[in-house]
Structure formats: C-alpha cells, structure tokens
Amino acid sequence: MGGIGGEVRAKTQDEVWTKFQLEVRPEVEERFGLFLEAPESREAAYRTMWQDPKSHWWVLDYYFSK
C-alpha cells in the first residue's frame, strides 16, 4: 500500500483549489496512477484549508493512495 501526501499553498482559498486541481491532481493521478482520498470534494477542501499564521497563506493538505 503506497500513497502520496502533501500540501498546496497560495494567498487565497480559491487560488489553492485552482492550483490543486490544475497542477497537483493531474500530475499525481497520471504519473503515479493514484486516487484522491482527501479532500473528497471541493467543499471538503474548503472546510479543511487552514491559514498559516506566519505567512498568512492558505494551505490545503492532500492524500492520494492506490
């Protein structure tokens, strides 16, 4: 069982979501053949995003698995 996790950072929540959908998700799914486990949806992503207290950028944690 393998997987890949990480985070996406941007100045706004919308930028985080766009970056995740256009850059991270296609790369991981196509390159490694993994499936998204978390966040399960856009709504879940917005609920779980958090703002870094030092940089004030929004952060989305994600996890893909087989």
PDB file of N, CA and C in Angstrom:
ATOM      1  N   MET A   1       0.843  -1.179   0.000  1.00  0.00           N
ATOM      2  CA  MET A   1       0.000   0.000   0.000  1.00  0.00           C
ATOM      3  C   MET A   1       0.888   1.242   0.000  1.00  0.00           C
ATOM      4  N   GLY A   2       0.724   2.045  -1.003  1.00  0.00           N
ATOM      5  CA  GLY A   2       1.502   3.259  -1.067  1.00  0.00           C
ATOM      6  C   GLY A   2       0.618   4.455  -1.281  1.00  0.00           C
ATOM      7  N   GLY A   3       1.171   5.594  -1.019  1.00  0.00           N
ATOM      8  CA  GLY A   3       0.416   6.813  -1.222  1.00  0.00           C
ATOM      9  C   GLY A   3       1.338   8.011  -1.243  1.00  0.00           C
ATOM     10  N   ILE A   4       0.746   9.127  -1.597  1.00  0.00           N
ATOM     11  CA  ILE A   4       1.474  10.389  -1.635  1.00  0.00           C
ATOM     12  C   ILE A   4       0.625  11.442  -0.942  1.00  0.00           C
ATOM     13  N   GLY A   5       1.247  12.164  -0.062  1.00  0.00           N
ATOM     14  CA  GLY A   5       0.575  13.264   0.607  1.00  0.00           C
ATOM     15  C   GLY A   5       1.401  14.526   0.463  1.00  0.00           C
ATOM     16  N   GLY A   6       0.776  15.628   0.688  1.00  0.00           N
ATOM     17  CA  GLY A   6       1.480  16.892   0.602  1.00  0.00           C
ATOM     18  C   GLY A   6       0.560  18.048   0.898  1.00  0.00           C
ATOM     19  N   GLU A   7       0.999  19.223   0.492  1.00  0.00           N
ATOM     20  CA  GLU A   7       0.180  20.403   0.715  1.00  0.00           C
ATOM     21  C   GLU A   7       0.343  21.370  -0.447  1.00  0.00           C
ATOM     22  N   VAL A   8      -0.673  22.190  -0.615  1.00  0.00           N
ATOM     23  CA  VAL A   8      -0.679  23.245  -1.614  1.00  0.00           C
ATOM     24  C   VAL A   8      -0.866  24.548  -0.861  1.00  0.00           C
ATOM     25  N   ARG A   9      -0.088  25.577  -1.234  1.00  0.00           N
ATOM     26  CA  ARG A   9      -0.158  26.880  -0.571  1.00  0.00           C
ATOM     27  C   ARG A   9      -0.414  27.975  -1.596  1.00  0.00           C
ATOM     28  N   ALA A  10      -1.242  28.953  -1.193  1.00  0.00           N
ATOM     29  CA  ALA A  10      -1.495  30.118  -2.036  1.00  0.00           C
ATOM     30  C   ALA A  10      -2.089  31.224  -1.168  1.00  0.00           C
ATOM     31  N   LYS A  11      -2.182  32.398  -1.751  1.00  0.00           N
ATOM     32  CA  LYS A  11      -2.653  33.562  -0.985  1.00  0.00           C
ATOM     33  C   LYS A  11      -4.144  33.513  -0.662  1.00  0.00           C
ATOM     34  N   THR A  12      -4.938  32.884  -1.524  1.00  0.00           N
ATOM     35  CA  THR A  12      -6.379  32.795  -1.274  1.00  0.00           C
ATOM     36  C   THR A  12      -6.829  31.342  -1.362  1.00  0.00           C
ATOM     37  N   GLN A  13      -7.994  31.068  -0.794  1.00  0.00           N
ATOM     38  CA  GLN A  13      -8.533  29.713  -0.861  1.00  0.00           C
ATOM     39  C   GLN A  13      -8.835  29.310  -2.302  1.00  0.00           C
ATOM     40  N   ASP A  14      -9.353  30.233  -3.088  1.00  0.00           N
ATOM     41  CA  ASP A  14      -9.642  29.923  -4.487  1.00  0.00           C
ATOM     42  C   ASP A  14      -8.369  29.587  -5.255  1.00  0.00           C
ATOM     43  N   GLU A  15      -7.281  30.295  -4.986  1.00  0.00           N
ATOM     44  CA  GLU A  15      -6.004  30.002  -5.640  1.00  0.00           C
ATOM     45  C   GLU A  15      -5.486  28.626  -5.245  1.00  0.00           C
ATOM     46  N   VAL A  16      -5.659  28.265  -3.988  1.00  0.00           N
ATOM     47  CA  VAL A  16      -5.237  26.940  -3.514  1.00  0.00           C
ATOM     48  C   VAL A  16      -5.997  25.859  -4.272  1.00  0.00           C
ATOM     49  N   TRP A  17      -7.315  26.004  -4.349  1.00  0.00           N
ATOM     50  CA  TRP A  17      -8.137  24.996  -5.019  1.00  0.00           C
ATOM     51  C   TRP A  17      -7.764  24.881  -6.494  1.00  0.00           C
ATOM     52  N   THR A  18      -7.594  26.008  -7.159  1.00  0.00           N
ATOM     53  CA  THR A  18      -7.242  26.014  -8.580  1.00  0.00           C
ATOM     54  C   THR A  18      -5.885  25.353  -8.800  1.00  0.00           C
ATOM     55  N   LYS A  19      -4.923  25.693  -7.981  1.00  0.00           N
ATOM     56  CA  LYS A  19      -3.581  25.109  -8.090  1.00  0.00           C
ATOM     57  C   LYS A  19      -3.636  23.592  -7.881  1.00  0.00           C
ATOM     58  N   PHE A  20      -4.409  23.164  -6.899  1.00  0.00           N
ATOM     59  CA  PHE A  20      -4.551  21.740  -6.619  1.00  0.00           C
ATOM     60  C   PHE A  20      -5.174  21.011  -7.812  1.00  0.00           C
ATOM     61  N   GLN A  21      -6.258  21.557  -8.352  1.00  0.00           N
ATOM     62  CA  GLN A  21      -6.979  20.919  -9.449  1.00  0.00           C
ATOM     63  C   GLN A  21      -6.200  20.917 -10.766  1.00  0.00           C
ATOM     64  N   LEU A  22      -5.464  21.980 -11.036  1.00  0.00           N
ATOM     65  CA  LEU A  22      -4.787  22.103 -12.327  1.00  0.00           C
ATOM     66  C   LEU A  22      -3.350  21.576 -12.340  1.00  0.00           C
ATOM     67  N   GLU A  23      -2.689  21.597 -11.207  1.00  0.00           N
ATOM     68  CA  GLU A  23      -1.282  21.198 -11.165  1.00  0.00           C
ATOM     69  C   GLU A  23      -1.038  19.892 -10.413  1.00  0.00           C
ATOM     70  N   VAL A  24      -1.500  19.817  -9.191  1.00  0.00           N
ATOM     71  CA  VAL A  24      -1.180  18.668  -8.340  1.00  0.00           C
ATOM     72  C   VAL A  24      -1.960  17.425  -8.738  1.00  0.00           C
ATOM     73  N   ARG A  25      -3.265  17.533  -8.782  1.00  0.00           N
ATOM     74  CA  ARG A  25      -4.092  16.348  -9.018  1.00  0.00           C
ATOM     75  C   ARG A  25      -3.773  15.646 -10.340  1.00  0.00           C
ATOM     76  N   PRO A  26      -3.734  16.359 -11.466  1.00  0.00           N
ATOM     77  CA  PRO A  26      -3.421  15.654 -12.722  1.00  0.00           C
ATOM     78  C   PRO A  26      -2.044  14.988 -12.700  1.00  0.00           C
ATOM     79  N   GLU A  27      -1.067  15.651 -12.132  1.00  0.00           N
ATOM     80  CA  GLU A  27       0.294  15.110 -12.071  1.00  0.00           C
ATOM     81  C   GLU A  27       0.327  13.799 -11.290  1.00  0.00           C
ATOM     82  N   VAL A  28      -0.276  13.782 -10.113  1.00  0.00           N
ATOM     83  CA  VAL A  28      -0.235  12.585  -9.264  1.00  0.00           C
ATOM     84  C   VAL A  28      -1.056  11.455  -9.877  1.00  0.00           C
ATOM     85  N   GLU A  29      -2.243  11.778 -10.376  1.00  0.00           N
ATOM     86  CA  GLU A  29      -3.087  10.726 -10.941  1.00  0.00           C
ATOM     87  C   GLU A  29      -2.478  10.125 -12.207  1.00  0.00           C
ATOM     88  N   GLU A  30      -1.949  10.954 -13.084  1.00  0.00           N
ATOM     89  CA  GLU A  30      -1.390  10.452 -14.337  1.00  0.00           C
ATOM     90  C   GLU A  30      -0.019   9.800 -14.144  1.00  0.00           C
ATOM     91  N   ARG A  31       0.820  10.426 -13.379  1.00  0.00           N
ATOM     92  CA  ARG A  31       2.195   9.932 -13.228  1.00  0.00           C
ATOM     93  C   ARG A  31       2.286   8.679 -12.364  1.00  0.00           C
ATOM     94  N   PHE A  32       1.521   8.672 -11.269  1.00  0.00           N
ATOM     95  CA  PHE A  32       1.636   7.566 -10.323  1.00  0.00           C
ATOM     96  C   PHE A  32       0.427   6.635 -10.318  1.00  0.00           C
ATOM     97  N   GLY A  33      -0.653   7.009 -10.995  1.00  0.00           N
ATOM     98  CA  GLY A  33      -1.847   6.168 -11.036  1.00  0.00           C
ATOM     99  C   GLY A  33      -2.545   6.044  -9.702  1.00  0.00           C
ATOM    100  N   LEU A  34      -2.454   7.071  -8.893  1.00  0.00           N
ATOM    101  CA  LEU A  34      -3.083   7.043  -7.576  1.00  0.00           C
ATOM    102  C   LEU A  34      -4.435   7.745  -7.614  1.00  0.00           C
ATOM    103  N   PHE A  35      -5.241   7.469  -6.599  1.00  0.00           N
ATOM    104  CA  PHE A  35      -6.574   8.043  -6.493  1.00  0.00           C
ATOM    105  C   PHE A  35      -6.653   8.988  -5.296  1.00  0.00           C
ATOM    106  N   LEU A  36      -7.392  10.049  -5.473  1.00  0.00           N
ATOM    107  CA  LEU A  36      -7.547  11.040  -4.412  1.00  0.00           C
ATOM    108  C   LEU A  36      -8.363  10.473  -3.263  1.00  0.00           C
ATOM    109  N   GLU A  37      -7.818  10.560  -2.063  1.00  0.00           N
ATOM    110  CA  GLU A  37      -8.541  10.156  -0.854  1.00  0.00           C
ATOM    111  C   GLU A  37      -9.038  11.363  -0.088  1.00  0.00           C
ATOM    112  N   ALA A  38      -8.201  12.375   0.003  1.00  0.00           N
ATOM    113  CA  ALA A  38      -8.587  13.570   0.760  1.00  0.00           C
ATOM    114  C   ALA A  38      -7.935  14.786   0.137  1.00  0.00           C
ATOM    115  N   PRO A  39      -8.636  15.834  -0.074  1.00  0.00           N
ATOM    116  CA  PRO A  39     -10.040  16.060   0.268  1.00  0.00           C
ATOM    117  C   PRO A  39     -10.961  15.363  -0.733  1.00  0.00           C
ATOM    118  N   GLU A  40     -12.114  14.941  -0.267  1.00  0.00           N
ATOM    119  CA  GLU A  40     -13.053  14.188  -1.095  1.00  0.00           C
ATOM    120  C   GLU A  40     -13.806  15.062  -2.091  1.00  0.00           C
ATOM    121  N   SER A  41     -13.920  16.342  -1.807  1.00  0.00           N
ATOM    122  CA  SER A  41     -14.670  17.251  -2.668  1.00  0.00           C
ATOM    123  C   SER A  41     -14.173  18.678  -2.480  1.00  0.00           C
ATOM    124  N   ARG A  42     -14.683  19.567  -3.308  1.00  0.00           N
ATOM    125  CA  ARG A  42     -14.331  20.984  -3.176  1.00  0.00           C
ATOM    126  C   ARG A  42     -14.777  21.505  -1.808  1.00  0.00           C
ATOM    127  N   GLU A  43     -15.964  21.127  -1.404  1.00  0.00           N
ATOM    128  CA  GLU A  43     -16.488  21.571  -0.113  1.00  0.00           C
ATOM    129  C   GLU A  43     -15.609  21.086   1.028  1.00  0.00           C
ATOM    130  N   ALA A  44     -15.182  19.821   0.947  1.00  0.00           N
ATOM    131  CA  ALA A  44     -14.296  19.270   1.980  1.00  0.00           C
ATOM    132  C   ALA A  44     -12.963  20.002   1.982  1.00  0.00           C
ATOM    133  N   ALA A  45     -12.470  20.355   0.797  1.00  0.00           N
ATOM    134  CA  ALA A  45     -11.200  21.074   0.707  1.00  0.00           C
ATOM    135  C   ALA A  45     -11.299  22.426   1.401  1.00  0.00           C
ATOM    136  N   TYR A  46     -12.360  23.153   1.139  1.00  0.00           N
ATOM    137  CA  TYR A  46     -12.516  24.468   1.756  1.00  0.00           C
ATOM    138  C   TYR A  46     -12.692  24.360   3.273  1.00  0.00           C
ATOM    139  N   ARG A  47     -13.351  23.297   3.727  1.00  0.00           N
ATOM    140  CA  ARG A  47     -13.522  23.105   5.178  1.00  0.00           C
ATOM    141  C   ARG A  47     -12.200  22.785   5.873  1.00  0.00           C
ATOM    142  N   THR A  48     -11.315  22.084   5.160  1.00  0.00           N
ATOM    143  CA  THR A  48     -10.078  21.648   5.809  1.00  0.00           C
ATOM    144  C   THR A  48      -8.888  22.575   5.567  1.00  0.00           C
ATOM    145  N   MET A  49      -9.037  23.558   4.694  1.00  0.00           N
ATOM    146  CA  MET A  49      -7.941  24.516   4.483  1.00  0.00           C
ATOM    147  C   MET A  49      -7.695  25.291   5.763  1.00  0.00           C
ATOM    148  N   TRP A  50      -6.450  25.614   5.969  1.00  0.00           N
ATOM    149  CA  TRP A  50      -6.088  26.401   7.149  1.00  0.00           C
ATOM    150  C   TRP A  50      -5.119  27.491   6.734  1.00  0.00           C
ATOM    151  N   GLN A  51      -5.093  28.533   7.529  1.00  0.00           N
ATOM    152  CA  GLN A  51      -4.237  29.675   7.204  1.00  0.00           C
ATOM    153  C   GLN A  51      -2.984  29.639   8.060  1.00  0.00           C
ATOM    154  N   ASP A  52      -1.826  29.635   7.397  1.00  0.00           N
ATOM    155  CA  ASP A  52      -0.541  29.611   8.078  1.00  0.00           C
ATOM    156  C   ASP A  52      -0.387  30.911   8.868  1.00  0.00           C
ATOM    157  N   PRO A  53      -0.173  30.815  10.172  1.00  0.00           N
ATOM    158  CA  PRO A  53      -0.082  32.025  10.992  1.00  0.00           C
ATOM    159  C   PRO A  53       1.136  32.902  10.679  1.00  0.00           C
ATOM    160  N   LYS A  54       2.176  32.310  10.123  1.00  0.00           N
ATOM    161  CA  LYS A  54       3.375  33.095   9.813  1.00  0.00           C
ATOM    162  C   LYS A  54       3.273  33.807   8.472  1.00  0.00           C
ATOM    163  N   SER A  55       2.882  33.066   7.438  1.00  0.00           N
ATOM    164  CA  SER A  55       2.843  33.655   6.097  1.00  0.00           C
ATOM    165  C   SER A  55       1.466  34.211   5.736  1.00  0.00           C
ATOM    166  N   HIS A  56       0.437  33.766   6.456  1.00  0.00           N
ATOM    167  CA  HIS A  56      -0.960  34.123   6.198  1.00  0.00           C
ATOM    168  C   HIS A  56      -1.484  33.544   4.889  1.00  0.00           C
ATOM    169  N   TRP A  57      -0.744  32.604   4.304  1.00  0.00           N
ATOM    170  CA  TRP A  57      -1.200  31.927   3.097  1.00  0.00           C
ATOM    171  C   TRP A  57      -2.120  30.777   3.497  1.00  0.00           C
ATOM    172  N   TRP A  58      -3.027  30.411   2.613  1.00  0.00           N
ATOM    173  CA  TRP A  58      -3.919  29.289   2.840  1.00  0.00           C
ATOM    174  C   TRP A  58      -3.217  27.995   2.438  1.00  0.00           C
ATOM    175  N   VAL A  59      -3.508  26.925   3.168  1.00  0.00           N
ATOM    176  CA  VAL A  59      -2.851  25.636   2.968  1.00  0.00           C
ATOM    177  C   VAL A  59      -3.906  24.537   2.867  1.00  0.00           C
ATOM    178  N   LEU A  60      -3.737  23.675   1.869  1.00  0.00           N
ATOM    179  CA  LEU A  60      -4.595  22.509   1.718  1.00  0.00           C
ATOM    180  C   LEU A  60      -3.718  21.273   1.790  1.00  0.00           C
ATOM    181  N   ASP A  61      -4.004  20.398   2.742  1.00  0.00           N
ATOM    182  CA  ASP A  61      -3.312  19.119   2.840  1.00  0.00           C
ATOM    183  C   ASP A  61      -4.076  18.107   1.988  1.00  0.00           C
ATOM    184  N   TYR A  62      -3.337  17.234   1.283  1.00  0.00           N
ATOM    185  CA  TYR A  62      -3.995  16.237   0.438  1.00  0.00           C
ATOM    186  C   TYR A  62      -3.319  14.889   0.603  1.00  0.00           C
ATOM    187  N   TYR A  63      -4.055  13.836   0.185  1.00  0.00           N
ATOM    188  CA  TYR A  63      -3.506  12.482   0.229  1.00  0.00           C
ATOM    189  C   TYR A  63      -4.086  11.652  -0.904  1.00  0.00           C
ATOM    190  N   PHE A  64      -3.215  10.992  -1.652  1.00  0.00           N
ATOM    191  CA  PHE A  64      -3.604  10.081  -2.729  1.00  0.00           C
ATOM    192  C   PHE A  64      -3.112   8.685  -2.359  1.00  0.00           C
ATOM    193  N   SER A  65      -3.884   7.651  -2.741  1.00  0.00           N
ATOM    194  CA  SER A  65      -3.450   6.277  -2.488  1.00  0.00           C
ATOM    195  C   SER A  65      -3.883   5.377  -3.632  1.00  0.00           C
ATOM    196  N   LYS A  66      -3.487   4.101  -3.547  1.00  0.00           N
ATOM    197  CA  LYS A  66      -3.820   3.112  -4.591  1.00  0.00           C
ATOM    198  C   LYS A  66      -5.236   2.637  -4.430  1.00  0.00           C
TER     199      LYS A  66
END
